[in-house]
Amino acid sequence: MPFEAASRTLPHHHSIGALLGRLTALGFAGVNITLPHKEAALALVDRATPEARRIGAVNTVVKQPDGSLLGRNSDGLGFLAHLQLSAPQ
């Protein structure tokens, strides 16, 4: 599946909600979210994975075929993977 990646910085005076509401118009199928917007994004998605709800933040938003927004968070898995690789044997 071909894809294109782009990096955009959201100015502090712009709303993360406005950006998420315009994903299709901007030509995006999803976005990665960084600080300071992760917690706010959780409240703005239509659905969130159990991991995102437990962590209390979203770092990935994917537009679903029905137009809804699914919020995910991979921070916990990344942290645990790092611990497993770094732990003394």
C-alpha atoms as a PDB file:
ATOM      1  CA  MET A   1       0.000   0.000   0.000  1.00  0.00           C
ATOM      2  CA  PRO A   2       1.663   3.254  -1.070  1.00  0.00           C
ATOM      3  CA  PHE A   3       1.703   6.099   1.406  1.00  0.00           C
ATOM      4  CA  GLU A   4       3.186   9.514   1.840  1.00  0.00           C
ATOM      5  CA  ALA A   5       4.484  10.934   5.091  1.00  0.00           C
ATOM      6  CA  ALA A   6       4.543  14.615   5.929  1.00  0.00           C
ATOM      7  CA  SER A   7       5.504  16.551   9.006  1.00  0.00           C
ATOM      8  CA  ARG A   8       3.480  19.542  10.106  1.00  0.00           C
ATOM      9  CA  THR A   9       3.849  21.583  13.245  1.00  0.00           C
ATOM     10  CA  LEU A  10       0.600  22.718  14.779  1.00  0.00           C
ATOM     11  CA  PRO A  11       0.988  26.303  15.966  1.00  0.00           C
ATOM     12  CA  HIS A  12      -0.120  26.775  19.554  1.00  0.00           C
ATOM     13  CA  HIS A  13      -2.902  29.139  18.490  1.00  0.00           C
ATOM     14  CA  HIS A  14      -4.511  26.409  16.331  1.00  0.00           C
ATOM     15  CA  SER A  15      -6.851  23.847  17.757  1.00  0.00           C
ATOM     16  CA  ILE A  16      -5.999  20.150  17.647  1.00  0.00           C
ATOM     17  CA  GLY A  17      -9.742  19.607  17.247  1.00  0.00           C
ATOM     18  CA  ALA A  18      -9.819  21.748  14.112  1.00  0.00           C
ATOM     19  CA  LEU A  19      -6.938  19.769  12.638  1.00  0.00           C
ATOM     20  CA  LEU A  20      -8.524  16.395  13.386  1.00  0.00           C
ATOM     21  CA  GLY A  21     -11.794  17.599  11.887  1.00  0.00           C
ATOM     22  CA  ARG A  22     -10.011  18.464   8.639  1.00  0.00           C
ATOM     23  CA  LEU A  23      -8.011  15.247   8.109  1.00  0.00           C
ATOM     24  CA  THR A  24      -9.846  14.292   4.935  1.00  0.00           C
ATOM     25  CA  ALA A  25      -9.763  17.818   3.504  1.00  0.00           C
ATOM     26  CA  LEU A  26      -6.013  17.921   4.136  1.00  0.00           C
ATOM     27  CA  GLY A  27      -5.578  14.569   2.385  1.00  0.00           C
ATOM     28  CA  PHE A  28      -4.480  12.609   5.466  1.00  0.00           C
ATOM     29  CA  ALA A  29      -5.611   9.113   6.459  1.00  0.00           C
ATOM     30  CA  GLY A  30      -4.175   9.603   9.936  1.00  0.00           C
ATOM     31  CA  VAL A  31      -1.741  11.565  12.041  1.00  0.00           C
ATOM     32  CA  ASN A  32       0.808  11.089  14.787  1.00  0.00           C
ATOM     33  CA  ILE A  33       0.273  13.331  17.793  1.00  0.00           C
ATOM     34  CA  THR A  34       3.052  14.674  20.005  1.00  0.00           C
ATOM     35  CA  LEU A  35       3.162  16.708  23.173  1.00  0.00           C
ATOM     36  CA  PRO A  36       1.441  18.899  24.206  1.00  0.00           C
ATOM     37  CA  HIS A  37      -1.587  17.576  22.249  1.00  0.00           C
ATOM     38  CA  LYS A  38      -1.768  13.870  23.235  1.00  0.00           C
ATOM     39  CA  GLU A  39      -4.192  14.199  26.141  1.00  0.00           C
ATOM     40  CA  ALA A  40      -6.487  16.614  24.311  1.00  0.00           C
ATOM     41  CA  ALA A  41      -6.618  14.289  21.293  1.00  0.00           C
ATOM     42  CA  LEU A  42      -7.995  11.467  23.460  1.00  0.00           C
ATOM     43  CA  ALA A  43     -11.120  13.522  24.185  1.00  0.00           C
ATOM     44  CA  LEU A  44     -11.585  14.357  20.497  1.00  0.00           C
ATOM     45  CA  VAL A  45     -11.516  10.937  18.841  1.00  0.00           C
ATOM     46  CA  ASP A  46     -14.682   8.922  18.270  1.00  0.00           C
ATOM     47  CA  ARG A  47     -13.169   5.728  19.676  1.00  0.00           C
ATOM     48  CA  ALA A  48      -9.967   4.884  21.506  1.00  0.00           C
ATOM     49  CA  THR A  49      -8.177   1.601  22.057  1.00  0.00           C
ATOM     50  CA  PRO A  50      -8.092   0.210  25.595  1.00  0.00           C
ATOM     51  CA  GLU A  51      -4.360   1.055  25.781  1.00  0.00           C
ATOM     52  CA  ALA A  52      -5.005   4.690  24.900  1.00  0.00           C
ATOM     53  CA  ARG A  53      -7.778   4.959  27.486  1.00  0.00           C
ATOM     54  CA  ARG A  54      -5.579   3.404  30.204  1.00  0.00           C
ATOM     55  CA  ILE A  55      -2.641   5.684  29.382  1.00  0.00           C
ATOM     56  CA  GLY A  56      -4.964   8.691  29.100  1.00  0.00           C
ATOM     57  CA  ALA A  57      -3.515   9.959  25.829  1.00  0.00           C
ATOM     58  CA  VAL A  58      -3.446   9.318  22.077  1.00  0.00           C
ATOM     59  CA  ASN A  59      -0.331   9.428  19.910  1.00  0.00           C
ATOM     60  CA  THR A  60      -1.854   8.097  16.682  1.00  0.00           C
ATOM     61  CA  VAL A  61      -5.197   8.962  15.098  1.00  0.00           C
ATOM     62  CA  VAL A  62      -6.454   6.901  12.156  1.00  0.00           C
ATOM     63  CA  LYS A  63      -9.449   7.849  10.044  1.00  0.00           C
ATOM     64  CA  GLN A  64     -11.705   4.789   9.723  1.00  0.00           C
ATOM     65  CA  PRO A  65     -13.647   3.790   6.563  1.00  0.00           C
ATOM     66  CA  ASP A  66     -16.858   5.136   8.121  1.00  0.00           C
ATOM     67  CA  GLY A  67     -15.197   8.535   8.694  1.00  0.00           C
ATOM     68  CA  SER A  68     -14.807   8.121  12.441  1.00  0.00           C
ATOM     69  CA  LEU A  69     -11.476   8.717  14.185  1.00  0.00           C
ATOM     70  CA  LEU A  70      -9.747   5.928  16.096  1.00  0.00           C
ATOM     71  CA  GLY A  71      -7.180   6.956  18.706  1.00  0.00           C
ATOM     72  CA  ARG A  72      -4.288   4.667  19.608  1.00  0.00           C
ATOM     73  CA  ASN A  73      -1.271   4.897  21.885  1.00  0.00           C
ATOM     74  CA  SER A  74       1.949   2.943  21.372  1.00  0.00           C
ATOM     75  CA  ASP A  75       3.938   4.693  24.113  1.00  0.00           C
ATOM     76  CA  GLY A  76       3.354   1.932  26.661  1.00  0.00           C
ATOM     77  CA  LEU A  77       4.411  -0.849  24.297  1.00  0.00           C
ATOM     78  CA  GLY A  78       7.502   1.104  23.294  1.00  0.00           C
ATOM     79  CA  PHE A  79       8.424   1.681  26.927  1.00  0.00           C
ATOM     80  CA  LEU A  80       7.984  -2.000  27.804  1.00  0.00           C
ATOM     81  CA  ALA A  81      10.014  -3.116  24.770  1.00  0.00           C
ATOM     82  CA  HIS A  82      12.834  -0.801  25.840  1.00  0.00           C
ATOM     83  CA  LEU A  83      12.762  -2.243  29.363  1.00  0.00           C
ATOM     84  CA  GLN A  84      12.932  -5.792  28.026  1.00  0.00           C
ATOM     85  CA  LEU A  85      15.897  -4.972  25.811  1.00  0.00           C
ATOM     86  CA  SER A  86      17.707  -2.978  28.494  1.00  0.00           C
ATOM     87  CA  ALA A  87      17.128  -5.221  31.521  1.00  0.00           C
ATOM     88  CA  PRO A  88      20.203  -6.993  32.857  1.00  0.00           C
ATOM     89  CA  GLN A  89      20.178 -10.716  32.130  1.00  0.00           C
END
